Amino acid sequence: MPRSVNVVAARRRRKKVLNMAKGYWGSRSKVFTIAKNTVEKGLQYAYRDRKAKKREFRALWIQRINAGAREYGVSYSQLIGKLAAKNIGLNRKVLADLAMNNKDAFKAVIDAVK
């Protein structure tokens, strides 16, 4: 009896990896074993950096809020403390957007906590 191997599934597996490796340089996009390693590493970076992206954006928002608040003589920590004390539920993303794009609304928020 001839040896039966599931070539259909194996080809599909390899093709999936090689499709994910499109755009890589040289054998990283052509040779399955090298492409597999590169794709796996790329997926690790993608997973890690989805978490890092959140940290980086939060830091950026804090810098923008701090810069905007200091124009009105309030530090970032004072502003956040007063917002919490007054139960004003604006998150950092919204505050940063107001500080950058809508100075009047940001000033109104600062006046509300002073």
Protein backbone atom coordinates (compact mmCIF):
# COMPACT_ATOMS: atom_id res chain seq x y z
CA MET A 1 0.00 0.00 0.00
CA PRO A 2 1.42 3.41 -0.91
CA ARG A 3 2.42 5.81 1.84
CA SER A 4 -0.27 8.39 2.46
CA VAL A 5 0.82 11.87 3.48
CA ASN A 6 -1.53 14.79 3.80
CA VAL A 7 0.14 17.02 1.22
CA VAL A 8 -2.91 19.29 0.96
CA ALA A 9 -2.72 20.34 4.61
CA ALA A 10 1.08 20.63 4.57
CA ARG A 11 1.01 22.81 1.47
CA ARG A 12 -1.68 25.00 2.97
CA ARG A 13 0.40 25.43 6.15
CA ARG A 14 3.53 26.34 4.22
CA LYS A 15 1.66 28.64 1.86
CA LYS A 16 0.13 30.50 4.79
CA VAL A 17 3.57 31.16 6.28
CA LEU A 18 5.06 32.19 2.92
CA ASN A 19 2.15 34.57 2.31
CA MET A 20 2.75 36.16 5.70
CA ALA A 21 6.43 36.54 4.75
CA LYS A 22 5.71 38.52 1.57
CA GLY A 23 7.83 41.63 1.36
CA TYR A 24 10.68 40.18 3.40
CA TRP A 25 14.15 40.31 1.88
CA GLY A 26 15.76 37.37 0.06
CA SER A 27 15.33 33.88 1.46
CA ARG A 28 13.22 35.24 4.32
CA SER A 29 10.33 35.35 1.84
CA LYS A 30 11.27 32.33 -0.29
CA VAL A 31 12.59 29.49 1.90
CA PHE A 32 9.96 28.00 4.19
CA THR A 33 12.17 27.21 7.19
CA ILE A 34 13.72 30.68 7.25
CA ALA A 35 10.40 32.36 6.50
CA LYS A 36 8.76 30.46 9.35
CA ASN A 37 11.33 31.72 11.86
CA THR A 38 11.03 35.28 10.59
CA VAL A 39 7.22 35.24 10.65
CA GLU A 40 7.14 33.80 14.18
CA LYS A 41 9.53 36.47 15.40
CA GLY A 42 7.46 39.14 13.66
CA LEU A 43 4.32 37.89 15.41
CA GLN A 44 6.15 38.05 18.75
CA TYR A 45 7.10 41.65 18.06
CA ALA A 46 3.52 42.44 17.03
CA TYR A 47 2.13 40.99 20.26
CA ARG A 48 4.70 42.81 22.41
CA ASP A 49 4.27 46.11 20.61
CA ARG A 50 0.49 46.11 20.85
CA LYS A 51 1.05 46.38 24.61
CA ALA A 52 3.88 48.92 24.24
CA LYS A 53 1.72 51.09 21.98
CA LYS A 54 -0.76 51.60 24.81
CA ARG A 55 2.04 52.67 27.17
CA GLU A 56 3.52 55.06 24.62
CA PHE A 57 0.20 56.73 23.87
CA ARG A 58 -0.60 57.17 27.55
CA ALA A 59 2.81 58.83 28.06
CA LEU A 60 2.16 61.10 25.07
CA TRP A 61 -1.26 62.11 26.41
CA ILE A 62 0.24 62.91 29.81
CA GLN A 63 2.90 65.13 28.20
CA ARG A 64 0.27 66.99 26.19
CA ILE A 65 -2.01 67.49 29.19
CA ASN A 66 0.93 68.70 31.28
CA ALA A 67 2.01 71.19 28.60
CA GLY A 68 -1.55 72.48 28.22
CA ALA A 69 -2.17 72.72 31.96
CA ARG A 70 1.06 74.59 32.65
CA GLU A 71 -0.09 77.36 30.30
CA TYR A 72 -2.75 78.07 32.92
CA GLY A 73 -0.46 77.68 35.94
CA VAL A 74 -1.47 74.14 36.95
CA SER A 75 0.75 71.07 36.87
CA TYR A 76 -0.41 67.74 35.49
CA SER A 77 -0.57 66.04 38.89
CA GLN A 78 -2.55 68.89 40.42
CA LEU A 79 -4.99 68.85 37.51
CA ILE A 80 -5.57 65.09 37.69
CA GLY A 81 -5.95 65.24 41.48
CA LYS A 82 -8.51 68.04 41.27
CA LEU A 83 -10.41 66.28 38.47
CA ALA A 84 -10.68 63.17 40.64
CA ALA A 85 -11.77 65.23 43.66
CA LYS A 86 -14.51 66.95 41.64
CA ASN A 87 -15.61 63.64 40.05
CA ILE A 88 -15.03 64.92 36.51
CA GLY A 89 -14.73 61.75 34.47
CA LEU A 90 -12.59 62.84 31.55
CA ASN A 91 -9.89 60.37 30.60
CA ARG A 92 -6.38 61.31 29.53
CA LYS A 93 -7.05 60.69 25.84
CA VAL A 94 -9.91 63.20 25.80
CA LEU A 95 -8.01 65.72 27.93
CA ALA A 96 -5.00 65.52 25.62
CA ASP A 97 -7.21 66.05 22.58
CA LEU A 98 -8.81 69.09 24.21
CA ALA A 99 -5.40 70.49 25.17
CA MET A 100 -4.15 70.15 21.60
CA ASN A 101 -7.17 70.98 19.46
CA ASN A 102 -9.71 72.84 21.58
CA LYS A 103 -8.01 75.32 23.91
CA ASP A 104 -11.28 76.97 24.98
CA ALA A 105 -12.80 73.70 26.18
CA PHE A 106 -9.56 72.77 27.96
CA LYS A 107 -9.55 76.15 29.71
CA ALA A 108 -13.15 75.54 30.76
CA VAL A 109 -12.09 72.22 32.32
CA ILE A 110 -9.25 73.92 34.19
CA ASP A 111 -11.55 76.71 35.36
CA ALA A 112 -14.02 74.09 36.60
CA VAL A 113 -11.42 72.51 38.87
CA LYS A 114 -9.80 75.72 40.16
